PDB file of N, CA and C in Angstrom:
ATOM      1  N   MET A   1       0.842  -1.177   0.000  1.00  0.00           N
ATOM      2  CA  MET A   1       0.000   0.000   0.000  1.00  0.00           C
ATOM      3  C   MET A   1       0.881   1.231   0.000  1.00  0.00           C
ATOM      4  N   GLN A   2       0.660   2.132  -0.945  1.00  0.00           N
ATOM      5  CA  GLN A   2       1.493   3.318  -1.071  1.00  0.00           C
ATOM      6  C   GLN A   2       0.670   4.560  -0.761  1.00  0.00           C
ATOM      7  N   VAL A   3       1.142   5.345   0.201  1.00  0.00           N
ATOM      8  CA  VAL A   3       0.437   6.548   0.623  1.00  0.00           C
ATOM      9  C   VAL A   3       1.068   7.734  -0.085  1.00  0.00           C
ATOM     10  N   THR A   4       0.267   8.592  -0.692  1.00  0.00           N
ATOM     11  CA  THR A   4       0.812   9.765  -1.367  1.00  0.00           C
ATOM     12  C   THR A   4       0.376  11.021  -0.652  1.00  0.00           C
ATOM     13  N   SER A   5       1.126  12.091  -0.846  1.00  0.00           N
ATOM     14  CA  SER A   5       0.814  13.366  -0.220  1.00  0.00           C
ATOM     15  C   SER A   5       0.663  14.443  -1.286  1.00  0.00           C
ATOM     16  N   LYS A   6      -0.546  14.850  -1.550  1.00  0.00           N
ATOM     17  CA  LYS A   6      -0.856  15.958  -2.452  1.00  0.00           C
ATOM     18  C   LYS A   6      -0.162  15.860  -3.804  1.00  0.00           C
ATOM     19  N   GLY A   7      -0.217  14.738  -4.434  1.00  0.00           N
ATOM     20  CA  GLY A   7       0.349  14.583  -5.772  1.00  0.00           C
ATOM     21  C   GLY A   7       1.859  14.471  -5.815  1.00  0.00           C
ATOM     22  N   GLY A   8       2.526  14.461  -4.685  1.00  0.00           N
ATOM     23  CA  GLY A   8       3.979  14.354  -4.643  1.00  0.00           C
ATOM     24  C   GLY A   8       4.413  12.908  -4.554  1.00  0.00           C
ATOM     25  N   PRO A   9       5.674  12.686  -4.230  1.00  0.00           N
ATOM     26  CA  PRO A   9       6.157  11.313  -4.089  1.00  0.00           C
ATOM     27  C   PRO A   9       5.496  10.630  -2.904  1.00  0.00           C
ATOM     28  N   SER A  10       5.511   9.324  -2.906  1.00  0.00           N
ATOM     29  CA  SER A  10       4.894   8.615  -1.798  1.00  0.00           C
ATOM     30  C   SER A  10       5.650   8.918  -0.509  1.00  0.00           C
ATOM     31  N   VAL A  11       4.909   8.921   0.592  1.00  0.00           N
ATOM     32  CA  VAL A  11       5.501   9.226   1.888  1.00  0.00           C
ATOM     33  C   VAL A  11       6.570   8.204   2.230  1.00  0.00           C
ATOM     34  N   ILE A  12       6.368   6.974   1.811  1.00  0.00           N
ATOM     35  CA  ILE A  12       7.314   5.909   2.112  1.00  0.00           C
ATOM     36  C   ILE A  12       8.638   6.144   1.366  1.00  0.00           C
ATOM     37  N   ALA A  13       8.580   6.661   0.142  1.00  0.00           N
ATOM     38  CA  ALA A  13       9.769   6.842  -0.675  1.00  0.00           C
ATOM     39  C   ALA A  13      10.493   8.159  -0.401  1.00  0.00           C
ATOM     40  N   MET A  14       9.933   9.029   0.432  1.00  0.00           N
ATOM     41  CA  MET A  14      10.554  10.325   0.705  1.00  0.00           C
ATOM     42  C   MET A  14      11.780  10.169   1.608  1.00  0.00           C
ATOM     43  N   THR A  15      12.787  11.004   1.378  1.00  0.00           N
ATOM     44  CA  THR A  15      13.951  11.004   2.249  1.00  0.00           C
ATOM     45  C   THR A  15      13.602  11.747   3.539  1.00  0.00           C
ATOM     46  N   VAL A  16      14.476  11.652   4.517  1.00  0.00           N
ATOM     47  CA  VAL A  16      14.258  12.328   5.794  1.00  0.00           C
ATOM     48  C   VAL A  16      14.135  13.833   5.568  1.00  0.00           C
ATOM     49  N   ARG A  17      15.010  14.397   4.771  1.00  0.00           N
ATOM     50  CA  ARG A  17      14.970  15.846   4.537  1.00  0.00           C
ATOM     51  C   ARG A  17      13.724  16.261   3.781  1.00  0.00           C
ATOM     52  N   GLN A  18      13.274  15.441   2.853  1.00  0.00           N
ATOM     53  CA  GLN A  18      12.033  15.752   2.142  1.00  0.00           C
ATOM     54  C   GLN A  18      10.848  15.741   3.103  1.00  0.00           C
ATOM     55  N   ARG A  19      10.839  14.779   4.031  1.00  0.00           N
ATOM     56  CA  ARG A  19       9.760  14.739   5.030  1.00  0.00           C
ATOM     57  C   ARG A  19       9.802  15.968   5.922  1.00  0.00           C
ATOM     58  N   LEU A  20      11.014  16.371   6.334  1.00  0.00           N
ATOM     59  CA  LEU A  20      11.145  17.560   7.176  1.00  0.00           C
ATOM     60  C   LEU A  20      10.685  18.806   6.432  1.00  0.00           C
ATOM     61  N   ILE A  21      11.028  18.934   5.171  1.00  0.00           N
ATOM     62  CA  ILE A  21      10.603  20.092   4.374  1.00  0.00           C
ATOM     63  C   ILE A  21       9.086  20.129   4.273  1.00  0.00           C
ATOM     64  N   GLU A  22       8.460  18.975   4.062  1.00  0.00           N
ATOM     65  CA  GLU A  22       6.998  18.927   3.996  1.00  0.00           C
ATOM     66  C   GLU A  22       6.380  19.360   5.320  1.00  0.00           C
ATOM     67  N   LEU A  23       6.962  18.942   6.431  1.00  0.00           N
ATOM     68  CA  LEU A  23       6.468  19.363   7.743  1.00  0.00           C
ATOM     69  C   LEU A  23       6.640  20.866   7.930  1.00  0.00           C
ATOM     70  N   LEU A  24       7.795  21.390   7.500  1.00  0.00           N
ATOM     71  CA  LEU A  24       8.074  22.820   7.657  1.00  0.00           C
ATOM     72  C   LEU A  24       7.170  23.684   6.781  1.00  0.00           C
ATOM     73  N   LYS A  25       6.727  23.155   5.664  1.00  0.00           N
ATOM     74  CA  LYS A  25       5.801  23.896   4.802  1.00  0.00           C
ATOM     75  C   LYS A  25       4.436  24.045   5.466  1.00  0.00           C
ATOM     76  N   GLY A  26       4.127  23.153   6.382  1.00  0.00           N
ATOM     77  CA  GLY A  26       2.845  23.184   7.078  1.00  0.00           C
ATOM     78  C   GLY A  26       2.751  24.240   8.157  1.00  0.00           C
ATOM     79  N   GLY A  27       3.836  24.861   8.516  1.00  0.00           N
ATOM     80  CA  GLY A  27       3.822  25.885   9.555  1.00  0.00           C
ATOM     81  C   GLY A  27       5.052  25.789  10.427  1.00  0.00           C
ATOM     82  N   PRO A  28       5.207  26.732  11.347  1.00  0.00           N
ATOM     83  CA  PRO A  28       6.402  26.738  12.194  1.00  0.00           C
ATOM     84  C   PRO A  28       6.421  25.583  13.196  1.00  0.00           C
ATOM     85  N   HIS A  29       7.602  25.015  13.373  1.00  0.00           N
ATOM     86  CA  HIS A  29       7.810  23.907  14.303  1.00  0.00           C
ATOM     87  C   HIS A  29       9.135  24.112  15.034  1.00  0.00           C
ATOM     88  N   THR A  30       9.199  23.597  16.247  1.00  0.00           N
ATOM     89  CA  THR A  30      10.472  23.558  16.963  1.00  0.00           C
ATOM     90  C   THR A  30      11.227  22.312  16.520  1.00  0.00           C
ATOM     91  N   ALA A  31      12.501  22.253  16.860  1.00  0.00           N
ATOM     92  CA  ALA A  31      13.298  21.065  16.540  1.00  0.00           C
ATOM     93  C   ALA A  31      12.732  19.840  17.253  1.00  0.00           C
ATOM     94  N   ARG A  32      12.209  20.032  18.441  1.00  0.00           N
ATOM     95  CA  ARG A  32      11.614  18.919  19.196  1.00  0.00           C
ATOM     96  C   ARG A  32      10.356  18.407  18.501  1.00  0.00           C
ATOM     97  N   ASP A  33       9.517  19.326  18.004  1.00  0.00           N
ATOM     98  CA  ASP A  33       8.310  18.919  17.263  1.00  0.00           C
ATOM     99  C   ASP A  33       8.691  18.081  16.047  1.00  0.00           C
ATOM    100  N   LEU A  34       9.686  18.559  15.316  1.00  0.00           N
ATOM    101  CA  LEU A  34      10.138  17.843  14.122  1.00  0.00           C
ATOM    102  C   LEU A  34      10.729  16.493  14.488  1.00  0.00           C
ATOM    103  N   SER A  35      11.427  16.444  15.612  1.00  0.00           N
ATOM    104  CA  SER A  35      12.031  15.210  16.087  1.00  0.00           C
ATOM    105  C   SER A  35      10.965  14.151  16.352  1.00  0.00           C
ATOM    106  N   VAL A  36       9.906  14.550  17.001  1.00  0.00           N
ATOM    107  CA  VAL A  36       8.824  13.614  17.315  1.00  0.00           C
ATOM    108  C   VAL A  36       8.110  13.179  16.036  1.00  0.00           C
ATOM    109  N   ALA A  37       7.815  14.133  15.153  1.00  0.00           N
ATOM    110  CA  ALA A  37       7.071  13.819  13.930  1.00  0.00           C
ATOM    111  C   ALA A  37       7.868  12.941  12.972  1.00  0.00           C
ATOM    112  N   ALA A  38       9.187  13.139  12.907  1.00  0.00           N
ATOM    113  CA  ALA A  38      10.027  12.387  11.974  1.00  0.00           C
ATOM    114  C   ALA A  38      10.674  11.162  12.615  1.00  0.00           C
ATOM    115  N   HIS A  39      10.445  10.947  13.912  1.00  0.00           N
ATOM    116  CA  HIS A  39      11.023   9.812  14.639  1.00  0.00           C
ATOM    117  C   HIS A  39      12.551   9.827  14.571  1.00  0.00           C
ATOM    118  N   LEU A  40      13.137  11.003  14.837  1.00  0.00           N
ATOM    119  CA  LEU A  40      14.591  11.179  14.835  1.00  0.00           C
ATOM    120  C   LEU A  40      15.030  11.837  16.129  1.00  0.00           C
ATOM    121  N   PRO A  41      16.273  11.623  16.544  1.00  0.00           N
ATOM    122  CA  PRO A  41      16.788  12.376  17.683  1.00  0.00           C
ATOM    123  C   PRO A  41      16.854  13.871  17.344  1.00  0.00           C
ATOM    124  N   GLU A  42      16.626  14.713  18.336  1.00  0.00           N
ATOM    125  CA  GLU A  42      16.619  16.161  18.116  1.00  0.00           C
ATOM    126  C   GLU A  42      17.951  16.662  17.553  1.00  0.00           C
ATOM    127  N   LYS A  43      19.041  16.066  17.970  1.00  0.00           N
ATOM    128  CA  LYS A  43      20.359  16.447  17.466  1.00  0.00           C
ATOM    129  C   LYS A  43      20.461  16.204  15.961  1.00  0.00           C
ATOM    130  N   ASP A  44      19.911  15.087  15.491  1.00  0.00           N
ATOM    131  CA  ASP A  44      19.920  14.791  14.054  1.00  0.00           C
ATOM    132  C   ASP A  44      19.054  15.776  13.275  1.00  0.00           C
ATOM    133  N   VAL A  45      17.946  16.184  13.877  1.00  0.00           N
ATOM    134  CA  VAL A  45      17.058  17.144  13.210  1.00  0.00           C
ATOM    135  C   VAL A  45      17.787  18.458  12.967  1.00  0.00           C
ATOM    136  N   THR A  46      18.547  18.945  13.949  1.00  0.00           N
ATOM    137  CA  THR A  46      19.263  20.213  13.762  1.00  0.00           C
ATOM    138  C   THR A  46      20.330  20.089  12.674  1.00  0.00           C
ATOM    139  N   LEU A  47      20.938  18.923  12.540  1.00  0.00           N
ATOM    140  CA  LEU A  47      21.901  18.719  11.451  1.00  0.00           C
ATOM    141  C   LEU A  47      21.200  18.755  10.095  1.00  0.00           C
ATOM    142  N   HIS A  48      20.040  18.121  10.008  1.00  0.00           N
ATOM    143  CA  HIS A  48      19.270  18.140   8.764  1.00  0.00           C
ATOM    144  C   HIS A  48      18.777  19.549   8.457  1.00  0.00           C
ATOM    145  N   LEU A  49      18.389  20.303   9.489  1.00  0.00           N
ATOM    146  CA  LEU A  49      17.908  21.672   9.272  1.00  0.00           C
ATOM    147  C   LEU A  49      18.998  22.554   8.663  1.00  0.00           C
ATOM    148  N   ALA A  50      20.246  22.326   9.043  1.00  0.00           N
ATOM    149  CA  ALA A  50      21.345  23.105   8.458  1.00  0.00           C
ATOM    150  C   ALA A  50      21.439  22.852   6.953  1.00  0.00           C
ATOM    151  N   HIS A  51      21.269  21.621   6.530  1.00  0.00           N
ATOM    152  CA  HIS A  51      21.301  21.295   5.102  1.00  0.00           C
ATOM    153  C   HIS A  51      20.067  21.833   4.380  1.00  0.00           C
ATOM    154  N   ILE A  52      18.930  21.742   5.041  1.00  0.00           N
ATOM    155  CA  ILE A  52      17.695  22.264   4.448  1.00  0.00           C
ATOM    156  C   ILE A  52      17.809  23.771   4.256  1.00  0.00           C
ATOM    157  N   ARG A  53      18.398  24.457   5.230  1.00  0.00           N
ATOM    158  CA  ARG A  53      18.564  25.915   5.123  1.00  0.00           C
ATOM    159  C   ARG A  53      19.372  26.270   3.884  1.00  0.00           C
ATOM    160  N   ARG A  54      20.417  25.495   3.588  1.00  0.00           N
ATOM    161  CA  ARG A  54      21.231  25.764   2.398  1.00  0.00           C
ATOM    162  C   ARG A  54      20.481  25.427   1.117  1.00  0.00           C
ATOM    163  N   SER A  55      19.697  24.358   1.132  1.00  0.00           N
ATOM    164  CA  SER A  55      19.051  23.917  -0.106  1.00  0.00           C
ATOM    165  C   SER A  55      17.832  24.753  -0.490  1.00  0.00           C
ATOM    166  N   VAL A  56      17.051  25.216   0.478  1.00  0.00           N
ATOM    167  CA  VAL A  56      15.866  25.998   0.129  1.00  0.00           C
ATOM    168  C   VAL A  56      16.131  27.491   0.119  1.00  0.00           C
ATOM    169  N   GLY A  57      17.278  27.910   0.610  1.00  0.00           N
ATOM    170  CA  GLY A  57      17.679  29.315   0.533  1.00  0.00           C
ATOM    171  C   GLY A  57      16.826  30.251   1.372  1.00  0.00           C
ATOM    172  N   ARG A  58      16.382  31.331   0.746  1.00  0.00           N
ATOM    173  CA  ARG A  58      15.672  32.382   1.472  1.00  0.00           C
ATOM    174  C   ARG A  58      14.282  31.987   1.948  1.00  0.00           C
ATOM    175  N   SER A  59      13.762  30.896   1.456  1.00  0.00           N
ATOM    176  CA  SER A  59      12.428  30.492   1.905  1.00  0.00           C
ATOM    177  C   SER A  59      12.469  29.785   3.267  1.00  0.00           C
ATOM    178  N   PHE A  60      13.668  29.512   3.784  1.00  0.00           N
ATOM    179  CA  PHE A  60      13.821  28.933   5.124  1.00  0.00           C
ATOM    180  C   PHE A  60      13.694  30.059   6.133  1.00  0.00           C
ATOM    181  N   VAL A  61      12.706  29.968   7.009  1.00  0.00           N
ATOM    182  CA  VAL A  61      12.421  31.040   7.960  1.00  0.00           C
ATOM    183  C   VAL A  61      12.690  30.542   9.375  1.00  0.00           C
ATOM    184  N   VAL A  62      13.434  31.364  10.142  1.00  0.00           N
ATOM    185  CA  VAL A  62      13.716  31.033  11.536  1.00  0.00           C
ATOM    186  C   VAL A  62      13.165  32.148  12.415  1.00  0.00           C
ATOM    187  N   ALA A  63      12.220  31.811  13.285  1.00  0.00           N
ATOM    188  CA  ALA A  63      11.756  32.740  14.306  1.00  0.00           C
ATOM    189  C   ALA A  63      12.694  32.553  15.489  1.00  0.00           C
ATOM    190  N   PRO A  64      13.438  33.590  15.883  1.00  0.00           N
ATOM    191  CA  PRO A  64      14.499  33.412  16.882  1.00  0.00           C
ATOM    192  C   PRO A  64      13.990  33.017  18.261  1.00  0.00           C
ATOM    193  N   ALA A  65      14.905  32.414  19.017  1.00  0.00           N
ATOM    194  CA  ALA A  65      14.616  32.052  20.404  1.00  0.00           C
ATOM    195  C   ALA A  65      14.460  33.327  21.224  1.00  0.00           C
ATOM    196  N   GLU A  66      13.741  33.191  22.350  1.00  0.00           N
ATOM    197  CA  GLU A  66      13.497  34.366  23.192  1.00  0.00           C
ATOM    198  C   GLU A  66      13.584  33.969  24.656  1.00  0.00           C
ATOM    199  N   CYS A  67      14.200  34.842  25.458  1.00  0.00           N
ATOM    200  CA  CYS A  67      14.294  34.613  26.896  1.00  0.00           C
ATOM    201  C   CYS A  67      12.917  34.850  27.513  1.00  0.00           C
ATOM    202  N   LEU A  68      12.430  33.892  28.281  1.00  0.00           N
ATOM    203  CA  LEU A  68      11.117  34.011  28.902  1.00  0.00           C
ATOM    204  C   LEU A  68      11.153  34.882  30.151  1.00  0.00           C
ATOM    205  N   ALA A  69      12.350  35.136  30.695  1.00  0.00           N
ATOM    206  CA  ALA A  69      12.468  35.935  31.908  1.00  0.00           C
ATOM    207  C   ALA A  69      12.535  37.437  31.608  1.00  0.00           C
ATOM    208  N   CYS A  70      13.363  37.836  30.625  1.00  0.00           N
ATOM    209  CA  CYS A  70      13.544  39.272  30.370  1.00  0.00           C
ATOM    210  C   CYS A  70      13.100  39.714  28.980  1.00  0.00           C
ATOM    211  N   GLY A  71      12.776  38.760  28.100  1.00  0.00           N
ATOM    212  CA  GLY A  71      12.297  39.108  26.771  1.00  0.00           C
ATOM    213  C   GLY A  71      13.376  39.311  25.733  1.00  0.00           C
ATOM    214  N   TYR A  72      14.629  39.041  26.061  1.00  0.00           N
ATOM    215  CA  TYR A  72      15.717  39.185  25.095  1.00  0.00           C
ATOM    216  C   TYR A  72      15.484  38.244  23.905  1.00  0.00           C
ATOM    217  N   VAL A  73      15.634  38.779  22.688  1.00  0.00           N
ATOM    218  CA  VAL A  73      15.432  37.992  21.477  1.00  0.00           C
ATOM    219  C   VAL A  73      16.791  37.743  20.830  1.00  0.00           C
ATOM    220  N   PHE A  74      17.078  36.490  20.516  1.00  0.00           N
ATOM    221  CA  PHE A  74      18.351  36.077  19.933  1.00  0.00           C
ATOM    222  C   PHE A  74      18.323  36.269  18.413  1.00  0.00           C
ATOM    223  N   VAL A  75      18.267  37.520  17.962  1.00  0.00           N
ATOM    224  CA  VAL A  75      18.099  37.843  16.547  1.00  0.00           C
ATOM    225  C   VAL A  75      19.313  37.459  15.717  1.00  0.00           C
ATOM    226  N   ASP A  76      20.505  37.711  16.192  1.00  0.00           N
ATOM    227  CA  ASP A  76      21.720  37.496  15.401  1.00  0.00           C
ATOM    228  C   ASP A  76      22.299  36.087  15.529  1.00  0.00           C
ATOM    229  N   ARG A  77      21.618  35.199  16.197  1.00  0.00           N
ATOM    230  CA  ARG A  77      22.135  33.839  16.397  1.00  0.00           C
ATOM    231  C   ARG A  77      22.031  33.039  15.096  1.00  0.00           C
ATOM    232  N   ARG A  78      23.130  32.399  14.704  1.00  0.00           N
ATOM    233  CA  ARG A  78      23.161  31.598  13.481  1.00  0.00           C
ATOM    234  C   ARG A  78      22.955  30.114  13.743  1.00  0.00           C
ATOM    235  N   ARG A  79      23.255  29.669  14.952  1.00  0.00           N
ATOM    236  CA  ARG A  79      23.059  28.256  15.286  1.00  0.00           C
ATOM    237  C   ARG A  79      21.569  27.944  15.344  1.00  0.00           C
ATOM    238  N   LEU A  80      21.226  26.733  15.000  1.00  0.00           N
ATOM    239  CA  LEU A  80      19.826  26.333  14.967  1.00  0.00           C
ATOM    240  C   LEU A  80      19.357  25.675  16.257  1.00  0.00           C
ATOM    241  N   THR A  81      20.245  25.516  17.208  1.00  0.00           N
ATOM    242  CA  THR A  81      19.888  24.913  18.492  1.00  0.00           C
ATOM    243  C   THR A  81      19.375  25.979  19.450  1.00  0.00           C
ATOM    244  N   ARG A  82      18.732  25.531  20.530  1.00  0.00           N
ATOM    245  CA  ARG A  82      18.233  26.450  21.549  1.00  0.00           C
ATOM    246  C   ARG A  82      19.427  26.949  22.374  1.00  0.00           C
ATOM    247  N   PRO A  83      19.508  28.262  22.637  1.00  0.00           N
ATOM    248  CA  PRO A  83      20.609  28.777  23.464  1.00  0.00           C
ATOM    249  C   PRO A  83      20.542  28.223  24.883  1.00  0.00           C
ATOM    250  N   GLY A  84      21.688  28.147  25.531  1.00  0.00           N
ATOM    251  CA  GLY A  84      21.749  27.626  26.888  1.00  0.00           C
ATOM    252  C   GLY A  84      21.262  28.593  27.938  1.00  0.00           C
ATOM    253  N   LYS A  85      21.684  29.865  27.817  1.00  0.00           N
ATOM    254  CA  LYS A  85      21.225  30.871  28.767  1.00  0.00           C
ATOM    255  C   LYS A  85      21.250  32.250  28.126  1.00  0.00           C
ATOM    256  N   CYS A  86      20.519  33.150  28.717  1.00  0.00           N
ATOM    257  CA  CYS A  86      20.367  34.504  28.203  1.00  0.00           C
ATOM    258  C   CYS A  86      21.621  35.328  28.514  1.00  0.00           C
ATOM    259  N   PRO A  87      22.151  36.066  27.539  1.00  0.00           N
ATOM    260  CA  PRO A  87      23.326  36.889  27.814  1.00  0.00           C
ATOM    261  C   PRO A  87      23.011  38.116  28.673  1.00  0.00           C
ATOM    262  N   ARG A  88      21.753  38.511  28.728  1.00  0.00           N
ATOM    263  CA  ARG A  88      21.376  39.696  29.500  1.00  0.00           C
ATOM    264  C   ARG A  88      21.125  39.363  30.970  1.00  0.00           C
ATOM    265  N   CYS A  89      20.257  38.379  31.237  1.00  0.00           N
ATOM    266  CA  CYS A  89      19.873  38.091  32.624  1.00  0.00           C
ATOM    267  C   CYS A  89      20.382  36.740  33.131  1.00  0.00           C
ATOM    268  N   ARG A  90      21.012  35.959  32.281  1.00  0.00           N
ATOM    269  CA  ARG A  90      21.573  34.639  32.611  1.00  0.00           C
ATOM    270  C   ARG A  90      20.519  33.581  32.941  1.00  0.00           C
ATOM    271  N   SER A  91      19.283  33.836  32.604  1.00  0.00           N
ATOM    272  CA  SER A  91      18.227  32.852  32.833  1.00  0.00           C
ATOM    273  C   SER A  91      18.363  31.717  31.821  1.00  0.00           C
ATOM    274  N   THR A  92      17.945  30.535  32.224  1.00  0.00           N
ATOM    275  CA  THR A  92      17.956  29.389  31.313  1.00  0.00           C
ATOM    276  C   THR A  92      16.560  29.096  30.773  1.00  0.00           C
ATOM    277  N   ARG A  93      15.589  29.928  31.118  1.00  0.00           N
ATOM    278  CA  ARG A  93      14.216  29.770  30.618  1.00  0.00           C
ATOM    279  C   ARG A  93      14.119  30.447  29.252  1.00  0.00           C
ATOM    280  N   ILE A  94      14.395  29.690  28.206  1.00  0.00           N
ATOM    281  CA  ILE A  94      14.457  30.232  26.850  1.00  0.00           C
ATOM    282  C   ILE A  94      13.544  29.421  25.940  1.00  0.00           C
ATOM    283  N   SER A  95      12.714  30.135  25.187  1.00  0.00           N
ATOM    284  CA  SER A  95      11.849  29.444  24.227  1.00  0.00           C
ATOM    285  C   SER A  95      12.702  29.030  23.024  1.00  0.00           C
ATOM    286  N   PRO A  96      12.463  27.863  22.472  1.00  0.00           N
ATOM    287  CA  PRO A  96      13.278  27.405  21.333  1.00  0.00           C
ATOM    288  C   PRO A  96      12.925  28.168  20.059  1.00  0.00           C
ATOM    289  N   PRO A  97      13.851  28.210  19.099  1.00  0.00           N
ATOM    290  CA  PRO A  97      13.528  28.838  17.820  1.00  0.00           C
ATOM    291  C   PRO A  97      12.493  28.018  17.054  1.00  0.00           C
ATOM    292  N   LEU A  98      11.739  28.706  16.194  1.00  0.00           N
ATOM    293  CA  LEU A  98      10.742  28.051  15.349  1.00  0.00           C
ATOM    294  C   LEU A  98      11.207  28.082  13.912  1.00  0.00           C
ATOM    295  N   PHE A  99      11.010  26.983  13.195  1.00  0.00           N
ATOM    296  CA  PHE A  99      11.469  26.861  11.815  1.00  0.00           C
ATOM    297  C   PHE A  99      10.280  26.623  10.904  1.00  0.00           C
ATOM    298  N   SER A 100      10.359  27.188   9.696  1.00  0.00           N
ATOM    299  CA  SER A 100       9.342  26.934   8.678  1.00  0.00           C
ATOM    300  C   SER A 100       9.949  27.195   7.301  1.00  0.00           C
ATOM    301  N   VAL A 101       9.241  26.737   6.272  1.00  0.00           N
ATOM    302  CA  VAL A 101       9.631  26.974   4.896  1.00  0.00           C
ATOM    303  C   VAL A 101       8.455  27.686   4.235  1.00  0.00           C
ATOM    304  N   ALA A 102       8.717  28.869   3.716  1.00  0.00           N
ATOM    305  CA  ALA A 102       7.659  29.650   3.047  1.00  0.00           C
ATOM    306  C   ALA A 102       7.391  29.073   1.666  1.00  0.00           C
ATOM    307  N   GLY A 103       6.134  29.059   1.316  1.00  0.00           N
ATOM    308  CA  GLY A 103       5.763  28.629  -0.034  1.00  0.00           C
ATOM    309  C   GLY A 103       5.458  27.247  -0.161  1.00  0.00           C
TER     310      GLY A 103
END
């Protein structure tokens, strides 16, 4: 039995990165959300996201992480992982970045 998604390749035949791109087209997700949906470790998802960012170019959108204690936004951060602590208040209560693919 072959399951298809909106006229594209079958879900079974899709690569991990193709599945992640399809998930990202559906709306913003955290690395943890993608990890659960794709049945991959979160560390592997961030590695795949780096490749996806290069392949889809400007349509890869990252909503930056934000400190929940003081509101500091990690705008200039290039890493795709969640920061460990806030540089302003040193809090570790930080919301993870959100990823999506436009279009």
